[in-house]
Structures are given as C-alpha cells and as structure tokens.
Protein backbone atom coordinates (compact mmCIF):
# COMPACT_ATOMS: atom_id res chain seq x y z
CA UNK A 1 1.64 -24.35 -5.56
CA UNK A 2 0.57 -22.49 -8.68
CA UNK A 3 0.79 -18.69 -8.59
CA UNK A 4 -0.25 -16.05 -11.12
CA UNK A 5 0.72 -12.38 -11.36
CA UNK A 6 -1.59 -10.12 -13.37
CA UNK A 7 -0.10 -6.79 -14.44
CA UNK A 8 3.49 -7.96 -14.39
CA UNK A 9 4.96 -5.02 -16.33
CA UNK A 10 3.86 -2.35 -13.83
CA UNK A 11 5.79 -1.14 -10.79
CA UNK A 12 3.77 -3.31 -8.41
CA UNK A 13 3.92 -6.32 -10.74
CA UNK A 14 7.69 -6.08 -10.77
CA UNK A 15 7.70 -5.73 -7.00
CA UNK A 16 5.61 -8.90 -6.74
CA UNK A 17 8.44 -10.77 -8.50
CA UNK A 18 11.12 -9.29 -6.23
CA UNK A 19 9.10 -9.89 -3.06
CA UNK A 20 8.20 -13.47 -3.95
CA UNK A 21 11.84 -14.22 -4.75
CA UNK A 22 12.80 -13.12 -1.22
CA UNK A 23 9.98 -14.82 0.69
CA UNK A 24 9.16 -18.42 1.54
CA UNK A 25 5.97 -19.03 -0.43
CA UNK A 26 6.55 -22.45 -2.11
CA UNK A 27 5.91 -21.76 -5.79
CA UNK A 28 5.95 -24.78 -8.10
CA UNK A 29 4.52 -22.98 -11.11
CA UNK A 30 4.38 -19.28 -11.98
CA UNK A 31 2.23 -17.69 -14.68
CA UNK A 32 2.63 -14.06 -15.72
CA UNK A 33 -0.13 -12.04 -17.37
CA UNK A 34 -0.11 -8.65 -19.01
CA UNK A 35 -1.73 -6.53 -21.66
CA UNK A 36 -1.50 -7.11 -25.38
CA UNK A 37 1.56 -4.81 -25.42
CA UNK A 38 3.49 -6.74 -22.78
CA UNK A 39 2.49 -10.24 -23.95
CA UNK A 40 5.57 -12.13 -25.15
CA UNK A 41 7.95 -10.29 -22.83
CA UNK A 42 10.24 -12.41 -20.68
CA UNK A 43 10.99 -12.13 -16.96
CA UNK A 44 13.30 -14.15 -14.73
CA UNK A 45 12.33 -15.65 -11.40
CA UNK A 46 14.33 -18.02 -9.20
CA UNK A 47 16.63 -18.99 -12.03
CA UNK A 48 13.97 -19.62 -14.67
CA UNK A 49 12.54 -17.53 -17.52
CA UNK A 50 8.82 -16.86 -17.91
CA UNK A 51 6.98 -15.47 -20.92
CA UNK A 52 4.07 -13.10 -20.34
CA UNK A 53 0.66 -14.25 -21.53
CA UNK A 54 -2.02 -11.84 -22.67
CA UNK A 55 -4.85 -11.66 -20.14
CA UNK A 56 -7.96 -13.12 -21.75
CA UNK A 57 -11.31 -14.61 -20.80
CA UNK A 58 -10.38 -18.28 -20.95
CA UNK A 59 -9.32 -21.11 -18.63
CA UNK A 60 -5.74 -19.94 -18.06
CA UNK A 61 -6.42 -19.69 -14.30
CA UNK A 62 -7.46 -23.33 -13.94
CA UNK A 63 -5.36 -24.86 -11.18
CA UNK A 64 -4.06 -21.49 -9.93
CA UNK A 65 -4.01 -21.29 -6.12
CA UNK A 66 -3.47 -17.54 -5.77
CA UNK A 67 -3.48 -14.68 -8.26
CA UNK A 68 -1.81 -11.38 -7.38
CA UNK A 69 -3.60 -8.73 -9.44
CA UNK A 70 -2.36 -5.19 -10.03
CA UNK A 71 -3.68 -4.03 -13.40
CA UNK A 72 -6.15 -1.30 -12.42
CA UNK A 73 -9.71 -1.31 -11.15
CA UNK A 74 -11.39 -1.70 -14.54
CA UNK A 75 -9.32 -4.79 -15.38
CA UNK A 76 -9.95 -6.28 -11.94
CA UNK A 77 -13.70 -5.84 -12.32
CA UNK A 78 -13.73 -7.26 -15.83
CA UNK A 79 -11.61 -10.32 -15.10
CA UNK A 80 -12.55 -11.17 -11.48
CA UNK A 81 -14.92 -13.95 -12.50
CA UNK A 82 -12.41 -15.37 -15.00
CA UNK A 83 -9.65 -15.35 -12.37
CA UNK A 84 -11.68 -16.92 -9.55
CA UNK A 85 -13.87 -19.30 -11.60
CA UNK A 86 -11.76 -22.38 -10.88
CA UNK A 87 -11.05 -21.61 -7.23
CA UNK A 88 -8.08 -19.25 -7.33
CA UNK A 89 -7.83 -16.73 -4.51
CA UNK A 90 -7.63 -13.30 -6.13
CA UNK A 91 -5.65 -10.81 -4.06
CA UNK A 92 -6.46 -7.53 -5.73
CA UNK A 93 -4.35 -4.41 -5.43
CA UNK A 94 -6.84 -2.02 -7.05
CA UNK A 95 -9.69 -0.02 -5.52
CA UNK A 96 -12.30 -2.13 -7.32
CA UNK A 97 -13.60 -4.19 -4.40
CA UNK A 98 -12.21 -2.60 -1.25
CA UNK A 99 -15.49 -1.38 0.17
CA UNK A 100 -17.68 -4.29 -1.01
CA UNK A 101 -19.28 -5.97 2.00
CA UNK A 102 -18.52 -9.45 0.69
CA UNK A 103 -14.81 -8.76 0.01
CA UNK A 104 -12.42 -8.69 2.97
CA UNK A 105 -9.97 -5.78 3.17
CA UNK A 106 -6.87 -7.15 4.85
CA UNK A 107 -3.63 -6.03 6.46
CA UNK A 108 -2.02 -9.13 8.01
CA UNK A 109 -0.63 -7.30 11.05
CA UNK A 110 -4.12 -5.97 11.82
CA UNK A 111 -6.95 -8.27 10.66
CA UNK A 112 -5.55 -11.44 9.06
CA UNK A 113 -8.54 -13.55 10.09
CA UNK A 114 -10.78 -11.53 7.76
CA UNK A 115 -9.02 -13.23 4.81
CA UNK A 116 -10.60 -16.54 5.76
CA UNK A 117 -14.11 -15.41 4.82
CA UNK A 118 -14.14 -14.52 1.13
CA UNK A 119 -17.42 -15.54 -0.52
CA UNK A 120 -16.37 -14.25 -3.94
CA UNK A 121 -12.83 -15.64 -3.77
CA UNK A 122 -11.47 -12.08 -3.67
CA UNK A 123 -9.36 -10.38 -1.01
CA UNK A 124 -8.70 -6.65 -1.41
CA UNK A 125 -5.37 -5.02 -0.70
CA UNK A 126 -6.03 -1.62 0.93
CA UNK A 127 -4.79 1.71 -0.31
CA UNK A 128 -1.06 2.14 0.34
CA UNK A 129 -1.46 5.11 2.65
CA UNK A 130 -4.10 3.26 4.68
CA UNK A 131 -1.93 0.14 5.07
CA UNK A 132 0.95 2.14 6.48
CA UNK A 133 -1.27 3.97 8.94
CA UNK A 134 -3.25 1.01 10.31
CA UNK A 135 -0.10 -1.04 10.95
CA UNK A 136 0.97 1.77 13.29
CA UNK A 137 -2.51 2.24 14.76
CA UNK A 138 -2.97 -1.41 15.77
CA UNK A 139 -0.63 -1.45 18.81
CA UNK A 140 -2.15 1.80 20.08
CA UNK A 141 -5.70 0.52 19.61
CA UNK A 142 -4.75 -2.45 21.79
CA UNK A 143 -3.85 -0.02 24.58
CA UNK A 144 -6.90 2.24 24.28
CA UNK A 145 -9.62 2.68 21.66
CA UNK A 146 -8.77 5.37 19.11
CA UNK A 147 -11.62 7.85 18.72
CA UNK A 148 -10.24 10.27 16.13
CA UNK A 149 -7.41 10.45 13.64
CA UNK A 150 -6.05 13.43 11.77
CA UNK A 151 -3.40 12.52 9.23
CA UNK A 152 -1.36 14.38 6.64
CA UNK A 153 0.34 12.22 4.04
CA UNK A 154 3.44 13.05 2.02
CA UNK A 155 3.17 10.61 -0.86
CA UNK A 156 5.97 9.73 -3.25
CA UNK A 157 5.72 9.86 -7.02
CA UNK A 158 5.81 6.06 -7.21
CA UNK A 159 2.31 5.99 -5.77
CA UNK A 160 1.22 6.94 -9.28
CA UNK A 161 3.30 4.22 -10.93
CA UNK A 162 6.64 3.72 -12.64
CA UNK A 163 5.94 6.35 -15.30
CA UNK A 164 5.38 8.93 -12.56
CA UNK A 165 8.81 8.21 -11.11
CA UNK A 166 10.31 8.56 -14.56
CA UNK A 167 8.54 11.87 -15.07
CA UNK A 168 9.81 13.28 -11.75
CA UNK A 169 13.41 12.37 -12.59
CA UNK A 170 12.97 13.80 -16.08
CA UNK A 171 11.54 17.06 -14.71
CA UNK A 172 14.59 17.66 -12.53
CA UNK A 173 16.85 17.05 -15.50
CA UNK A 174 14.81 19.34 -17.75
CA UNK A 175 14.69 22.17 -15.21
CA UNK A 176 18.45 21.99 -14.62
CA UNK A 177 18.89 22.24 -18.40
CA UNK A 178 16.59 25.31 -18.56
CA UNK A 179 13.93 23.32 -20.41
CA UNK A 180 10.20 23.33 -19.79
CA UNK A 181 9.39 20.28 -17.64
CA UNK A 182 7.14 17.54 -18.98
CA UNK A 183 3.84 17.49 -17.04
CA UNK A 184 1.63 14.50 -17.81
CA UNK A 185 1.10 12.34 -14.71
CA UNK A 186 0.10 15.08 -12.26
CA UNK A 187 -1.91 18.29 -12.36
CA UNK A 188 1.28 20.35 -12.02
CA UNK A 189 5.04 20.02 -12.11
CA UNK A 190 6.08 17.89 -9.13
CA UNK A 191 9.83 18.65 -9.13
CA UNK A 192 10.61 21.40 -6.59
CA UNK A 193 6.92 21.44 -5.68
CA UNK A 194 4.19 19.93 -3.48
CA UNK A 195 0.72 19.12 -4.84
CA UNK A 196 -2.11 18.90 -2.23
CA UNK A 197 -4.20 16.80 -4.60
CA UNK A 198 -4.21 13.00 -4.99
CA UNK A 199 -7.06 11.42 -6.97
CA UNK A 200 -10.26 13.35 -7.77
CA UNK A 201 -12.03 15.89 -5.58
CA UNK A 202 -15.42 14.89 -4.18
CA UNK A 203 -18.47 16.94 -3.23
CA UNK A 204 -17.18 17.44 0.34
CA UNK A 205 -13.90 18.92 -1.02
CA UNK A 206 -11.92 15.95 0.20
CA UNK A 207 -10.20 13.88 -2.46
CA UNK A 208 -11.06 10.27 -3.15
CA UNK A 209 -7.66 9.30 -1.71
CA UNK A 210 -8.47 11.10 1.54
CA UNK A 211 -11.87 9.46 1.85
CA UNK A 212 -10.33 6.05 1.17
CA UNK A 213 -8.29 6.50 4.35
CA UNK A 214 -11.46 7.24 6.30
CA UNK A 215 -13.57 4.36 5.01
CA UNK A 216 -10.83 1.73 4.70
CA UNK A 217 -9.47 2.33 8.20
CA UNK A 218 -12.90 1.79 9.72
CA UNK A 219 -13.42 -1.43 7.74
CA UNK A 220 -9.99 -2.92 8.47
CA UNK A 221 -10.05 -2.09 12.17
CA UNK A 222 -13.78 -2.86 12.64
CA UNK A 223 -13.95 0.52 14.31
CA UNK A 224 -16.12 3.62 14.55
CA UNK A 225 -13.01 5.82 14.46
CA UNK A 226 -13.28 9.12 12.59
CA UNK A 227 -10.48 9.83 10.12
CA UNK A 228 -9.74 13.19 8.51
CA UNK A 229 -6.90 13.14 5.99
CA UNK A 230 -5.00 15.59 3.80
CA UNK A 231 -3.02 13.81 1.09
CA UNK A 232 -0.09 15.58 -0.56
CA UNK A 233 2.12 14.47 -3.45
CA UNK A 234 5.79 15.27 -2.76
CA UNK A 235 8.89 15.18 -5.00
CA UNK A 236 10.21 11.93 -3.56
CA UNK A 237 10.69 8.91 -5.81
CA UNK A 238 9.66 6.19 -3.38
CA UNK A 239 8.21 5.71 0.15
CA UNK A 240 5.29 7.56 1.68
CA UNK A 241 5.49 9.57 4.90
CA UNK A 242 2.61 10.38 7.24
CA UNK A 243 2.15 12.72 10.20
CA UNK A 244 -0.60 11.28 12.38
CA UNK A 245 -2.52 12.79 15.31
CA UNK A 246 -4.74 10.42 17.29
CA UNK A 247 -7.14 10.82 20.19
CA UNK A 248 -7.60 7.80 22.46
CA UNK A 249 -10.17 7.07 25.16
CA UNK A 250 -7.49 7.36 27.83
CA UNK A 251 -4.20 9.22 27.69
CA UNK A 252 -1.29 7.23 26.24
CA UNK A 253 2.16 8.42 27.23
CA UNK A 254 4.92 8.56 24.64
CA UNK A 255 6.90 5.95 26.56
CA UNK A 256 3.91 3.58 26.62
CA UNK A 257 3.44 4.14 22.91
CA UNK A 258 7.13 3.49 22.20
CA UNK A 259 6.99 0.18 24.04
CA UNK A 260 3.89 -0.82 22.09
CA UNK A 261 5.42 0.15 18.74
CA UNK A 262 8.68 -1.64 19.54
CA UNK A 263 6.84 -4.89 20.31
CA UNK A 264 4.45 -4.77 17.34
CA UNK A 265 4.95 -6.93 14.23
CA UNK A 266 5.88 -5.10 11.05
CA UNK A 267 7.10 -1.96 12.83
CA UNK A 268 10.62 -0.61 13.36
CA UNK A 269 10.96 2.11 15.99
CA UNK A 270 13.35 4.94 15.07
CA UNK A 271 12.73 7.62 17.66
CA UNK A 272 15.71 9.49 19.04
CA UNK A 273 15.24 13.13 18.00
CA UNK A 274 18.19 14.33 20.10
CA UNK A 275 20.44 12.18 17.91
CA UNK A 276 18.54 13.24 14.78
CA UNK A 277 17.18 9.73 14.39
CA UNK A 278 13.73 9.53 12.79
CA UNK A 279 12.29 7.74 9.76
CA UNK A 280 12.92 9.21 6.30
CA UNK A 281 12.25 7.94 2.77
CA UNK A 282 15.99 8.17 2.10
CA UNK A 283 16.60 5.19 4.39
CA UNK A 284 13.30 3.32 4.12
CA UNK A 285 12.94 2.73 0.37
CA UNK A 286 13.23 -0.94 -0.52
CA UNK A 287 12.56 -2.11 3.04
CA UNK A 288 9.58 -4.07 4.35
CA UNK A 289 8.51 -2.58 7.71
CA UNK A 290 6.61 0.53 8.69
CA UNK A 291 9.09 2.84 10.44
CA UNK A 292 7.74 4.94 13.34
CA UNK A 293 9.26 7.94 15.11
CA UNK A 294 8.71 11.52 16.35
CA UNK A 295 6.40 10.14 19.06
CA UNK A 296 5.11 12.83 21.40
CA UNK A 297 2.10 14.07 23.31
CA UNK A 298 -0.34 16.25 21.44
CA UNK A 299 -0.09 19.47 23.42
CA UNK A 300 -3.47 20.56 22.06
CA UNK A 301 -5.33 17.47 23.31
CA UNK A 302 -4.90 15.75 26.73
CA UNK A 303 -5.83 12.39 25.16
CA UNK A 304 -3.78 13.03 22.04
CA UNK A 305 -0.66 11.42 20.65
CA UNK A 306 1.40 12.40 17.61
CA UNK A 307 3.76 10.25 15.57
CA UNK A 308 5.46 10.05 12.18
CA UNK A 309 5.61 7.00 9.91
CA UNK A 310 7.47 6.18 6.71
CA UNK A 311 7.01 3.06 4.59
CA UNK A 312 7.84 1.90 1.09
CA UNK A 313 4.40 1.94 -0.47
CA UNK A 314 5.35 -0.35 -3.37
CA UNK A 315 6.47 -3.02 -0.91
CA UNK A 316 4.37 -2.88 2.28
CA UNK A 317 1.82 -0.61 0.62
CA UNK A 318 1.21 -3.05 -2.22
CA UNK A 319 3.22 -6.17 -3.13
CA UNK A 320 4.45 -7.25 0.30
CA UNK A 321 1.05 -6.85 1.93
CA UNK A 322 -0.52 -9.07 -0.75
CA UNK A 323 2.20 -11.71 -0.41
CA UNK A 324 1.80 -11.69 3.37
CA UNK A 325 -1.92 -12.38 2.91
CA UNK A 326 -1.05 -15.39 0.74
CA UNK A 327 1.47 -16.58 3.32
CA UNK A 328 -1.19 -16.38 6.02
CA UNK A 329 -3.53 -18.50 3.91
CA UNK A 330 -1.11 -21.09 2.51
CA UNK A 331 1.80 -21.47 4.96
C-alpha cells in the first residue's frame, strides 16, 4: 500500500505520522509532501527516514492509494486534481470540499458507508468540533430522533495550529515576566482570557465555525436537525470541550443515555460527578476517543438532555478520523 501525507510539517501532518505508526494500516511506501520551505526536511516513520518533497503539479501521486491532505483549503482546491488524477483517494482535512454534494463528509462511527461513493475521489474530514459532537450524538439518535441541538464549544489553541500553541505558551511566559504578550494568531491575547470568536463573522452574526457545525452535522447525520452553536477559544493547549443540549422526539433518561454512550464505538463514559469524575482536557489530550460525562436531564425542556464532551481535536478531530476512514476503505 502506497500512502502520501500532504502538509507534513503542520500539527495535523505530524499527528498523521504518529497515528499511522500506532495503527494497523499496512503501509509499504510512504511519501511526504510539503511547501517549498519544508522540502528537504527529514522525518522518521517505523524505523525509516523519509525526505519531504515539494508539492507540485506532476505525477508524484501515481500509484498512491490514499493521500492524507492537511495543507489548507486553497492548497486542497489547487492540487485536488493532481492528487486524484491517477486514482488516489484524497482524504482532505480542510474546509474546501465539505459541503460539496459530490464529496462525502465522513465520521466512521456515524456514516462510514458514505465514503464508498466518492465521484471525485475526495472524502472530506469534517470540522474538529463537529466530529466530536456527532460521535456523541449518534447513539442518542439511535434511541430517538434529535430535533434540536444547542452547543457551546471551548476550543483549545491547537485548533489554530502549532504556532497558536506556541503563542499561548509564550504569552504566559511574557505576562509572568511583565512583558507585553505577543498577539498574532488570535484577535486578542488568549492567555488568561476567553475569546468568543472562531473564524470570521457572517451576516447572521454567527461565525463561520458555528455555521459549520450546523451544516456539517445535518450532512453527516442525514438529518433535518437544527444546530445553534457558540464557539469559544479558551487558553488550553490541546483538546476541545463542548457543552451540548439536545431535544429528542421522546424523552431520554440519563440512565438510558449512559447505557447508549457506554456501548457506542469511539466513546468513553466518564460520568460520576459525586466522585468528581468528568472529562477534562488535562486527561484527554493525546487519546483517541470522545469522552462523555455530566449527563443530566435538561430541566428547561421535558424532552431535553444535557451532556459534556472532551476530545483531542488533533487526533479524533483531524488525523485519527482520516486514518479511520482509510482503514474502513482498505482493511
């Protein structure tokens, strides 16, 4: 099996390497691609060294079975035809194709079969905050159709890339040294702060990130569910958290929900508030599952349920989800 990674120097590209090294995808040949700046760099994988090639419009993807792409939407759009020309399956981590009708948007725990129909040879990886949420929604949807979702996200700095994590750490150091903090990746200082603003604001005063959760959830779940999101950047290095309120067609008790979560693939139930046991980024970073806890009835809605999820968005929210799609197709 011949595998390519496009955007190897980024946080997700590096996570692709780590995830593939831990999984069972049988890789006979690995090709790494990057920008002009990263071309010539060397990375190690399963005991061998690999030199990064510059991504160009040529035949470098001939014979490639699957290409994991995480180099930004503009690069994905420009190089999609080059990557897929010779039959490679392009699993794209950007927003470039997510809402295209002829590109499946896939979370393997939810809609793996959608990956089988890909007329353009492209499969889109959803937004990280959407992936985390729909993994948790699936077992509830199987109990009773979900009509409405209200969700507040608490998204780590790593959602904006490796440089954003570096900036957050640097800001704490600068502030403790009575220096003015460096502010480049976000609209404001993130250290000791929360920023209720991820991506650009749209005409309806929701951000693009918030509307992604609405549209992507409906596409992945093949559902008419309404989703209203508020997305907040928090001073955490890694792993997103989400508080989710759902309304189902019939009431779902917390115990019924716990049983469904406990039996669902890709979910770890951590829900014992009396013992102060609930998911937190502190304990979730670097792990694969979506962790679910704080499950309770919505006291403002007789058909409502409330729960809390935490997941490492670089792993399940990006690299792992893409690798799981490839495993579904090739194993």
